[in-house]
Amino acid sequence: MTDKIRCDYASVGIIARDSEDRILLVERMKFPFGWAPPSGHCDGLSYGTAAFKEFEEETGLKIIGGLNPLIPKNPIKYFKCRRGGEYHDWQIFEVNWKGELKPSRDETKNAKWHTVEEICELAEKTGCYLQRMQESIKAEEQSWVAGIQESIEKEWQANPGLEPVWYEFFQELKII
């Protein structure tokens, strides 16, 4: 399944914390499945403008003040997207916000503030998922690989961990 808009290979992520230092994550309704901070393609906008747009679009919240850039070790990540992209060059910002959380019905299954411990639990689930997918390639019969991966993916979509790209970013940013 692909969107009508082509991938521009530029993505932005927004980390917001509440008064208890929990991080806002949304559960994606569409591929790539998993829990992640509000994020998305820049679609020709500057990274900063895209951050404001994506954050409000996915959460109903508004960014107040400026954007605090967070610098991951490797901002270019090689994960496929539903628009046909093979990689994305990311910028990540931490923000202050205001408003009432009203997640997008089109893009999110759920939105929730998570403690670092809860994010670590989601990360552990992601690590297991990625390991199982990698191990599936070594199936005794190559004809079994697609079926095994389909089964793993179905289980993942029903109860996901962190979106794989954020599994890497949270480690690089030393959040987990």
Protein backbone atom coordinates (compact mmCIF):
# COMPACT_ATOMS: atom_id res chain seq x y z
CA MET A 1 0.00 0.00 0.00
CA THR A 2 1.45 3.37 -0.98
CA ASP A 3 0.32 6.93 -0.41
CA LYS A 4 -0.34 9.12 -3.45
CA ILE A 5 2.48 11.43 -2.34
CA ARG A 6 5.98 10.15 -3.14
CA CYS A 7 8.66 9.90 -0.47
CA ASP A 8 10.89 12.98 -0.18
CA TYR A 9 13.47 11.08 1.95
CA ALA A 10 13.26 13.75 4.68
CA SER A 11 11.52 13.06 7.99
CA VAL A 12 11.04 14.85 11.25
CA GLY A 13 10.39 13.54 14.75
CA ILE A 14 9.10 15.43 17.75
CA ILE A 15 9.70 14.48 21.37
CA ALA A 16 7.31 16.02 23.89
CA ARG A 17 7.34 15.43 27.63
CA ASP A 18 4.61 16.04 30.16
CA SER A 19 4.95 17.43 33.71
CA GLU A 20 5.89 13.94 34.95
CA ASP A 21 8.72 13.66 32.35
CA ARG A 22 6.81 11.03 30.36
CA ILE A 23 7.25 11.02 26.57
CA LEU A 24 4.30 11.18 24.20
CA LEU A 25 4.10 8.22 21.83
CA VAL A 26 1.48 7.43 19.22
CA GLU A 27 0.64 3.95 17.98
CA ARG A 28 0.65 4.03 14.19
CA MET A 29 -2.46 2.93 12.32
CA LYS A 30 -0.53 2.53 9.07
CA PHE A 31 2.85 1.03 8.15
CA PRO A 32 5.40 1.33 9.69
CA PHE A 33 3.53 -0.09 12.67
CA GLY A 34 4.60 0.50 16.24
CA TRP A 35 4.77 3.18 18.92
CA ALA A 36 6.70 6.34 18.07
CA PRO A 37 6.86 10.02 18.90
CA PRO A 38 4.85 12.17 16.49
CA SER A 39 6.78 12.13 13.23
CA GLY A 40 6.46 12.13 9.48
CA HIS A 41 7.70 13.21 6.07
CA CYS A 42 8.65 16.84 5.49
CA ASP A 43 6.85 16.90 2.11
CA GLY A 44 8.98 19.76 0.80
CA LEU A 45 8.69 21.82 3.98
CA SER A 46 11.67 22.78 6.11
CA TYR A 47 12.32 20.41 9.00
CA GLY A 48 11.13 23.04 11.49
CA THR A 49 7.89 23.80 9.66
CA ALA A 50 7.23 20.09 9.21
CA ALA A 51 7.74 19.55 12.96
CA PHE A 52 5.01 22.07 13.82
CA LYS A 53 2.67 20.58 11.20
CA GLU A 54 3.20 16.90 12.07
CA PHE A 55 2.96 17.46 15.82
CA GLU A 56 -0.36 19.29 15.62
CA GLU A 57 -1.73 16.94 12.93
CA GLU A 58 -1.00 13.76 14.91
CA THR A 59 -1.73 14.97 18.46
CA GLY A 60 -3.98 18.02 18.35
CA LEU A 61 -1.38 19.77 20.55
CA LYS A 62 0.47 22.96 19.63
CA ILE A 63 4.20 23.56 19.96
CA ILE A 64 5.01 26.66 22.01
CA GLY A 65 8.36 28.37 21.88
CA GLY A 66 11.17 27.12 19.75
CA LEU A 67 12.42 23.74 18.66
CA ASN A 68 15.28 22.15 20.60
CA PRO A 69 17.27 20.01 18.13
CA LEU A 70 18.42 16.59 19.33
CA ILE A 71 21.34 15.14 17.43
CA PRO A 72 21.27 11.37 16.86
CA LYS A 73 24.50 9.55 16.06
CA ASN A 74 23.17 8.58 12.62
CA PRO A 75 20.32 10.74 11.26
CA ILE A 76 20.05 8.71 8.04
CA LYS A 77 18.05 5.54 8.64
CA TYR A 78 17.46 2.75 6.14
CA PHE A 79 13.87 1.66 6.76
CA LYS A 80 11.28 1.39 3.99
CA CYS A 81 8.20 3.58 4.08
CA ARG A 82 4.76 3.16 2.55
CA ARG A 83 5.57 5.91 0.03
CA GLY A 84 8.37 3.89 -1.54
CA GLY A 85 11.37 5.40 0.25
CA GLU A 86 14.30 3.17 1.19
CA TYR A 87 15.88 5.62 3.65
CA HIS A 88 15.16 8.94 5.39
CA ASP A 89 17.34 11.81 6.56
CA TRP A 90 15.90 12.76 9.96
CA GLN A 91 15.88 15.78 12.23
CA ILE A 92 14.52 15.33 15.73
CA PHE A 93 13.33 18.09 18.02
CA GLU A 94 12.27 18.25 21.65
CA VAL A 95 9.44 20.71 22.22
CA ASN A 96 7.26 22.42 24.77
CA TRP A 97 3.58 22.19 24.03
CA LYS A 98 0.10 23.25 25.08
CA GLY A 99 -3.41 21.99 24.54
CA GLU A 100 -5.46 18.88 24.97
CA LEU A 101 -4.33 15.60 23.47
CA LYS A 102 -6.63 14.77 20.53
CA PRO A 103 -4.92 12.11 18.38
CA SER A 104 -5.59 11.95 14.65
CA ARG A 105 -8.25 9.34 13.88
CA ASP A 106 -6.70 8.78 10.45
CA GLU A 107 -3.13 8.11 11.56
CA THR A 108 -3.15 6.83 15.13
CA LYS A 109 -4.66 3.85 16.92
CA ASN A 110 -3.69 5.26 20.28
CA ALA A 111 -1.66 8.02 21.93
CA LYS A 112 -0.24 7.86 25.41
CA TRP A 113 2.39 9.40 27.68
CA HIS A 114 5.07 6.78 28.47
CA THR A 115 7.65 6.56 31.23
CA VAL A 116 11.21 5.64 30.27
CA GLU A 117 10.59 2.22 31.87
CA GLU A 118 7.55 1.69 29.62
CA ILE A 119 9.59 2.76 26.59
CA CYS A 120 12.27 0.24 27.59
CA GLU A 121 9.60 -2.49 27.66
CA LEU A 122 8.45 -1.47 24.17
CA ALA A 123 12.09 -1.46 23.03
CA GLU A 124 12.60 -4.99 24.36
CA LYS A 125 9.58 -6.13 22.35
CA THR A 126 11.02 -4.45 19.24
CA GLY A 127 14.39 -6.13 19.74
CA CYS A 128 12.67 -9.53 19.89
CA TYR A 129 10.59 -8.72 16.79
CA LEU A 130 13.66 -7.68 14.77
CA GLN A 131 15.59 -10.75 15.91
CA ARG A 132 12.72 -13.08 14.99
CA MET A 133 12.44 -11.48 11.53
CA GLN A 134 16.19 -11.87 11.00
CA GLU A 135 16.14 -15.49 12.18
CA SER A 136 13.21 -16.29 9.87
CA ILE A 137 15.53 -15.81 6.90
CA LYS A 138 17.44 -18.90 8.06
CA ALA A 139 14.38 -21.18 7.77
CA GLU A 140 15.15 -24.74 6.72
CA GLU A 141 13.15 -24.21 3.54
CA GLN A 142 13.31 -20.83 1.78
CA SER A 143 9.69 -21.30 0.76
CA TRP A 144 8.75 -21.01 4.45
CA VAL A 145 10.32 -17.57 4.99
CA ALA A 146 7.38 -15.48 3.71
CA GLY A 147 4.87 -17.45 5.77
CA ILE A 148 6.98 -17.21 8.93
CA GLN A 149 7.50 -13.47 8.45
CA GLU A 150 3.79 -12.95 7.79
CA SER A 151 2.98 -14.69 11.05
CA ILE A 152 5.54 -12.60 12.97
CA GLU A 153 4.24 -9.40 11.36
CA LYS A 154 0.61 -10.22 12.19
CA GLU A 155 1.55 -10.75 15.85
CA TRP A 156 3.56 -7.50 15.79
CA GLN A 157 0.69 -5.44 14.37
CA ALA A 158 -1.68 -6.76 17.05
CA ASN A 159 0.68 -5.78 19.88
CA PRO A 160 3.68 -3.72 18.68
CA GLY A 161 6.70 -2.30 20.44
CA LEU A 162 8.60 0.78 19.33
CA GLU A 163 8.62 1.52 15.63
CA PRO A 164 12.04 0.11 14.57
CA VAL A 165 13.51 3.47 13.54
CA TRP A 166 12.67 4.86 16.99
CA TYR A 167 14.17 1.79 18.63
CA GLU A 168 17.47 3.02 17.16
CA PHE A 169 16.92 6.73 17.82
CA PHE A 170 15.98 6.27 21.49
CA GLN A 171 19.21 4.33 21.99
CA GLU A 172 21.32 6.90 20.11
CA LEU A 173 19.76 9.78 22.04
CA LYS A 174 20.35 7.88 25.31
CA ILE A 175 16.68 8.00 26.24
CA ILE A 176 16.76 4.23 26.77
